[in-house]
């Protein structure tokens, strides 16, 4: 078994995706094809083939919340791995609209400082996952801030004292 990489350490919760997402993707692709003449021509090929493609896409999706980030892996032919650091996460929102509700899925949007939002569709127990992500982010940020302020100010003062002692010793030696 492979040793988990740095990004995979500290696993807290695995992201589970609802199989209904396959139907959602397939129907959205078919609706998209219906909007063009070329798409209508391709539909007889896409209807059975698209179903298989979306099943493979679903099978190759995985994600996990770790103590430092959200790690997502997706893609069948074109693979993508994305790690979202929790300390850069600014908001997690859940979107439910009439089309998403008709398929019984939700869309989660993760917003980070300085980057485009990351969108996940079809997450099971999205409310629980969102709450756990925000809780972990808050605990990570508060721990980092507490340790940074107390350690950094103490270390800086010690360094200043040591430098002043060295300067004082050099001045005493020169006289």
C-alpha atoms as a PDB file:
ATOM      1  CA  UNK A   1       0.000   0.000   0.000  1.00  0.00           C
ATOM      2  CA  UNK A   2       1.242   3.473  -0.861  1.00  0.00           C
ATOM      3  CA  UNK A   3       2.193   5.904   1.853  1.00  0.00           C
ATOM      4  CA  UNK A   4      -0.253   8.848   1.846  1.00  0.00           C
ATOM      5  CA  UNK A   5       1.192  12.071   0.479  1.00  0.00           C
ATOM      6  CA  UNK A   6       1.553  15.264   2.448  1.00  0.00           C
ATOM      7  CA  UNK A   7      -1.821  16.563   1.230  1.00  0.00           C
ATOM      8  CA  UNK A   8      -3.602  13.363   2.359  1.00  0.00           C
ATOM      9  CA  UNK A   9      -2.376  13.300   5.951  1.00  0.00           C
ATOM     10  CA  UNK A  10      -4.737  14.049   8.825  1.00  0.00           C
ATOM     11  CA  UNK A  11      -7.842  12.574   7.164  1.00  0.00           C
ATOM     12  CA  UNK A  12     -11.026  13.700   8.959  1.00  0.00           C
ATOM     13  CA  UNK A  13     -13.911  12.821   6.618  1.00  0.00           C
ATOM     14  CA  UNK A  14     -14.353  11.402   3.133  1.00  0.00           C
ATOM     15  CA  UNK A  15     -16.632  13.238   0.712  1.00  0.00           C
ATOM     16  CA  UNK A  16     -19.473  11.047  -0.511  1.00  0.00           C
ATOM     17  CA  UNK A  17     -21.196  11.750  -3.812  1.00  0.00           C
ATOM     18  CA  UNK A  18     -24.792  10.822  -4.630  1.00  0.00           C
ATOM     19  CA  UNK A  19     -25.259   8.510  -7.642  1.00  0.00           C
ATOM     20  CA  UNK A  20     -28.094  10.798  -8.759  1.00  0.00           C
ATOM     21  CA  UNK A  21     -25.376  13.094 -10.098  1.00  0.00           C
ATOM     22  CA  UNK A  22     -24.943  10.720 -13.046  1.00  0.00           C
ATOM     23  CA  UNK A  23     -28.539  11.341 -14.139  1.00  0.00           C
ATOM     24  CA  UNK A  24     -28.117  15.092 -13.591  1.00  0.00           C
ATOM     25  CA  UNK A  25     -24.946  15.293 -15.723  1.00  0.00           C
ATOM     26  CA  UNK A  26     -26.464  13.096 -18.441  1.00  0.00           C
ATOM     27  CA  UNK A  27     -29.681  15.135 -18.665  1.00  0.00           C
ATOM     28  CA  UNK A  28     -27.815  18.468 -18.641  1.00  0.00           C
ATOM     29  CA  UNK A  29     -25.586  17.231 -21.476  1.00  0.00           C
ATOM     30  CA  UNK A  30     -28.652  16.100 -23.459  1.00  0.00           C
ATOM     31  CA  UNK A  31     -30.381  19.444 -22.921  1.00  0.00           C
ATOM     32  CA  UNK A  32     -27.194  21.160 -24.091  1.00  0.00           C
ATOM     33  CA  UNK A  33     -27.142  19.008 -27.218  1.00  0.00           C
ATOM     34  CA  UNK A  34     -30.767  19.888 -27.971  1.00  0.00           C
ATOM     35  CA  UNK A  35     -29.843  23.560 -28.259  1.00  0.00           C
ATOM     36  CA  UNK A  36     -27.871  23.118 -31.490  1.00  0.00           C
ATOM     37  CA  UNK A  37     -28.422  21.438 -34.835  1.00  0.00           C
ATOM     38  CA  UNK A  38     -25.122  19.532 -34.586  1.00  0.00           C
ATOM     39  CA  UNK A  39     -26.049  18.448 -31.066  1.00  0.00           C
ATOM     40  CA  UNK A  40     -29.367  17.032 -32.262  1.00  0.00           C
ATOM     41  CA  UNK A  41     -27.495  15.042 -34.908  1.00  0.00           C
ATOM     42  CA  UNK A  42     -25.057  13.709 -32.263  1.00  0.00           C
ATOM     43  CA  UNK A  43     -27.742  12.776 -29.717  1.00  0.00           C
ATOM     44  CA  UNK A  44     -28.318   9.189 -30.959  1.00  0.00           C
ATOM     45  CA  UNK A  45     -24.618   8.532 -30.368  1.00  0.00           C
ATOM     46  CA  UNK A  46     -24.390  10.491 -27.114  1.00  0.00           C
ATOM     47  CA  UNK A  47     -27.435   9.028 -25.343  1.00  0.00           C
ATOM     48  CA  UNK A  48     -25.904   5.559 -24.659  1.00  0.00           C
ATOM     49  CA  UNK A  49     -22.260   6.651 -24.799  1.00  0.00           C
ATOM     50  CA  UNK A  50     -22.799   9.668 -22.538  1.00  0.00           C
ATOM     51  CA  UNK A  51     -24.343   7.511 -19.836  1.00  0.00           C
ATOM     52  CA  UNK A  52     -21.184   5.361 -19.721  1.00  0.00           C
ATOM     53  CA  UNK A  53     -18.940   8.427 -19.711  1.00  0.00           C
ATOM     54  CA  UNK A  54     -20.792   9.959 -16.748  1.00  0.00           C
ATOM     55  CA  UNK A  55     -20.712   6.659 -14.835  1.00  0.00           C
ATOM     56  CA  UNK A  56     -16.923   6.510 -15.283  1.00  0.00           C
ATOM     57  CA  UNK A  57     -16.671  10.157 -14.274  1.00  0.00           C
ATOM     58  CA  UNK A  58     -18.631   9.418 -11.074  1.00  0.00           C
ATOM     59  CA  UNK A  59     -16.498   6.357 -10.259  1.00  0.00           C
ATOM     60  CA  UNK A  60     -13.321   8.434 -10.452  1.00  0.00           C
ATOM     61  CA  UNK A  61     -14.489  11.192  -8.102  1.00  0.00           C
ATOM     62  CA  UNK A  62     -13.169  11.247  -4.570  1.00  0.00           C
ATOM     63  CA  UNK A  63     -12.574  13.808  -1.923  1.00  0.00           C
ATOM     64  CA  UNK A  64     -11.559  14.185   1.673  1.00  0.00           C
ATOM     65  CA  UNK A  65     -11.425  16.756   4.404  1.00  0.00           C
ATOM     66  CA  UNK A  66      -8.059  16.701   6.164  1.00  0.00           C
ATOM     67  CA  UNK A  67      -6.854  18.741   9.099  1.00  0.00           C
ATOM     68  CA  UNK A  68      -5.375  21.342   6.693  1.00  0.00           C
ATOM     69  CA  UNK A  69      -7.296  21.142   3.388  1.00  0.00           C
ATOM     70  CA  UNK A  70     -10.057  19.767   1.220  1.00  0.00           C
ATOM     71  CA  UNK A  71      -8.545  17.364  -1.321  1.00  0.00           C
ATOM     72  CA  UNK A  72     -10.505  16.530  -4.451  1.00  0.00           C
ATOM     73  CA  UNK A  73      -9.638  14.056  -7.202  1.00  0.00           C
ATOM     74  CA  UNK A  74     -11.773  13.728 -10.286  1.00  0.00           C
ATOM     75  CA  UNK A  75     -11.625  12.795 -13.904  1.00  0.00           C
ATOM     76  CA  UNK A  76     -11.580   9.659 -15.956  1.00  0.00           C
ATOM     77  CA  UNK A  77      -9.766  10.601 -19.136  1.00  0.00           C
ATOM     78  CA  UNK A  78      -8.542  13.977 -17.949  1.00  0.00           C
ATOM     79  CA  UNK A  79      -7.599  13.729 -14.296  1.00  0.00           C
ATOM     80  CA  UNK A  80      -7.599  16.679 -11.931  1.00  0.00           C
ATOM     81  CA  UNK A  81      -6.496  16.978  -8.340  1.00  0.00           C
ATOM     82  CA  UNK A  82      -7.272  20.079  -6.342  1.00  0.00           C
ATOM     83  CA  UNK A  83      -6.291  20.886  -2.778  1.00  0.00           C
ATOM     84  CA  UNK A  84      -8.091  23.773  -1.130  1.00  0.00           C
ATOM     85  CA  UNK A  85      -6.206  25.007   1.964  1.00  0.00           C
ATOM     86  CA  UNK A  86      -8.631  25.607   4.827  1.00  0.00           C
ATOM     87  CA  UNK A  87      -6.794  28.720   6.009  1.00  0.00           C
ATOM     88  CA  UNK A  88      -7.516  30.347   2.596  1.00  0.00           C
ATOM     89  CA  UNK A  89     -11.198  29.310   2.605  1.00  0.00           C
ATOM     90  CA  UNK A  90     -13.520  32.291   3.024  1.00  0.00           C
ATOM     91  CA  UNK A  91     -16.970  30.752   2.505  1.00  0.00           C
ATOM     92  CA  UNK A  92     -18.791  27.499   1.789  1.00  0.00           C
ATOM     93  CA  UNK A  93     -22.261  27.844   0.318  1.00  0.00           C
ATOM     94  CA  UNK A  94     -24.890  25.318  -0.698  1.00  0.00           C
ATOM     95  CA  UNK A  95     -27.057  26.003  -3.741  1.00  0.00           C
ATOM     96  CA  UNK A  96     -30.388  24.313  -4.356  1.00  0.00           C
ATOM     97  CA  UNK A  97     -32.502  25.323  -7.312  1.00  0.00           C
ATOM     98  CA  UNK A  98     -35.528  23.869  -9.051  1.00  0.00           C
ATOM     99  CA  UNK A  99     -33.468  21.819 -11.520  1.00  0.00           C
ATOM    100  CA  UNK A 100     -31.081  20.546  -8.839  1.00  0.00           C
ATOM    101  CA  UNK A 101     -34.051  19.728  -6.570  1.00  0.00           C
ATOM    102  CA  UNK A 102     -35.740  17.803  -9.402  1.00  0.00           C
ATOM    103  CA  UNK A 103     -32.690  15.521  -9.512  1.00  0.00           C
ATOM    104  CA  UNK A 104     -32.254  15.473  -5.733  1.00  0.00           C
ATOM    105  CA  UNK A 105     -28.740  16.940  -5.733  1.00  0.00           C
ATOM    106  CA  UNK A 106     -27.107  20.080  -4.346  1.00  0.00           C
ATOM    107  CA  UNK A 107     -24.184  22.186  -5.481  1.00  0.00           C
ATOM    108  CA  UNK A 108     -21.546  23.324  -3.009  1.00  0.00           C
ATOM    109  CA  UNK A 109     -19.343  26.314  -3.720  1.00  0.00           C
ATOM    110  CA  UNK A 110     -16.027  26.829  -1.921  1.00  0.00           C
ATOM    111  CA  UNK A 111     -14.709  30.384  -2.091  1.00  0.00           C
ATOM    112  CA  UNK A 112     -11.077  31.112  -1.342  1.00  0.00           C
ATOM    113  CA  UNK A 113      -9.040  34.267  -0.978  1.00  0.00           C
ATOM    114  CA  UNK A 114      -7.738  35.295  -4.373  1.00  0.00           C
ATOM    115  CA  UNK A 115      -8.950  32.327  -6.438  1.00  0.00           C
ATOM    116  CA  UNK A 116     -12.008  31.367  -8.465  1.00  0.00           C
ATOM    117  CA  UNK A 117     -14.697  29.462  -6.560  1.00  0.00           C
ATOM    118  CA  UNK A 118     -14.478  25.668  -6.586  1.00  0.00           C
ATOM    119  CA  UNK A 119     -17.833  23.987  -7.258  1.00  0.00           C
ATOM    120  CA  UNK A 120     -18.847  20.451  -6.273  1.00  0.00           C
ATOM    121  CA  UNK A 121     -22.177  19.007  -7.346  1.00  0.00           C
ATOM    122  CA  UNK A 122     -23.860  15.990  -5.783  1.00  0.00           C
ATOM    123  CA  UNK A 123     -22.251  15.901  -2.316  1.00  0.00           C
ATOM    124  CA  UNK A 124     -24.185  13.673   0.095  1.00  0.00           C
ATOM    125  CA  UNK A 125     -24.860  15.142   3.548  1.00  0.00           C
ATOM    126  CA  UNK A 126     -23.782  18.546   2.283  1.00  0.00           C
ATOM    127  CA  UNK A 127     -24.967  20.407   5.409  1.00  0.00           C
ATOM    128  CA  UNK A 128     -22.912  18.153   7.675  1.00  0.00           C
ATOM    129  CA  UNK A 129     -19.877  18.393   5.384  1.00  0.00           C
ATOM    130  CA  UNK A 130     -20.122  22.202   5.177  1.00  0.00           C
ATOM    131  CA  UNK A 131     -20.387  22.524   8.963  1.00  0.00           C
ATOM    132  CA  UNK A 132     -17.415  20.222   9.506  1.00  0.00           C
ATOM    133  CA  UNK A 133     -15.310  22.126   6.942  1.00  0.00           C
ATOM    134  CA  UNK A 134     -16.091  25.493   8.536  1.00  0.00           C
ATOM    135  CA  UNK A 135     -15.485  24.124  12.032  1.00  0.00           C
ATOM    136  CA  UNK A 136     -12.106  22.704  10.988  1.00  0.00           C
ATOM    137  CA  UNK A 137     -11.207  25.961   9.217  1.00  0.00           C
ATOM    138  CA  UNK A 138     -12.062  28.012  12.313  1.00  0.00           C
ATOM    139  CA  UNK A 139     -10.065  25.742  14.623  1.00  0.00           C
ATOM    140  CA  UNK A 140      -7.082  25.792  12.234  1.00  0.00           C
ATOM    141  CA  UNK A 141      -7.135  29.573  11.844  1.00  0.00           C
ATOM    142  CA  UNK A 142      -7.559  30.266  15.579  1.00  0.00           C
ATOM    143  CA  UNK A 143      -4.758  27.830  16.511  1.00  0.00           C
ATOM    144  CA  UNK A 144      -2.441  29.354  13.912  1.00  0.00           C
ATOM    145  CA  UNK A 145      -3.187  32.905  15.079  1.00  0.00           C
ATOM    146  CA  UNK A 146      -2.682  32.068  18.760  1.00  0.00           C
ATOM    147  CA  UNK A 147       0.636  30.332  18.211  1.00  0.00           C
ATOM    148  CA  UNK A 148       1.863  32.955  15.739  1.00  0.00           C
ATOM    149  CA  UNK A 149       1.193  35.932  17.993  1.00  0.00           C
ATOM    150  CA  UNK A 150       2.633  34.490  21.200  1.00  0.00           C
ATOM    151  CA  UNK A 151       5.638  32.708  19.687  1.00  0.00           C
ATOM    152  CA  UNK A 152       6.582  35.383  17.179  1.00  0.00           C
ATOM    153  CA  UNK A 153       6.559  38.290  19.620  1.00  0.00           C
ATOM    154  CA  UNK A 154       8.578  36.334  22.184  1.00  0.00           C
ATOM    155  CA  UNK A 155      11.087  35.162  19.566  1.00  0.00           C
ATOM    156  CA  UNK A 156      11.504  38.661  18.153  1.00  0.00           C
ATOM    157  CA  UNK A 157      12.214  40.102  21.586  1.00  0.00           C
ATOM    158  CA  UNK A 158      14.791  37.388  22.306  1.00  0.00           C
ATOM    159  CA  UNK A 159      16.501  38.065  18.959  1.00  0.00           C
ATOM    160  CA  UNK A 160      16.588  41.812  19.653  1.00  0.00           C
ATOM    161  CA  UNK A 161      18.080  41.189  23.110  1.00  0.00           C
ATOM    162  CA  UNK A 162      20.764  38.902  21.663  1.00  0.00           C
ATOM    163  CA  UNK A 163      21.678  41.404  18.939  1.00  0.00           C
ATOM    164  CA  UNK A 164      21.901  44.222  21.460  1.00  0.00           C
ATOM    165  CA  UNK A 165      24.148  42.101  23.675  1.00  0.00           C
ATOM    166  CA  UNK A 166      26.432  41.366  20.702  1.00  0.00           C
ATOM    167  CA  UNK A 167      26.614  45.053  19.797  1.00  0.00           C
ATOM    168  CA  UNK A 168      27.342  45.962  23.397  1.00  0.00           C
ATOM    169  CA  UNK A 169      30.090  43.322  23.585  1.00  0.00           C
ATOM    170  CA  UNK A 170      31.706  44.579  20.345  1.00  0.00           C
ATOM    171  CA  UNK A 171      31.629  48.188  21.548  1.00  0.00           C
ATOM    172  CA  UNK A 172      33.201  47.146  24.884  1.00  0.00           C
ATOM    173  CA  UNK A 173      35.973  45.228  23.070  1.00  0.00           C
ATOM    174  CA  UNK A 174      36.809  48.218  20.849  1.00  0.00           C
ATOM    175  CA  UNK A 175      37.277  50.601  23.800  1.00  0.00           C
END
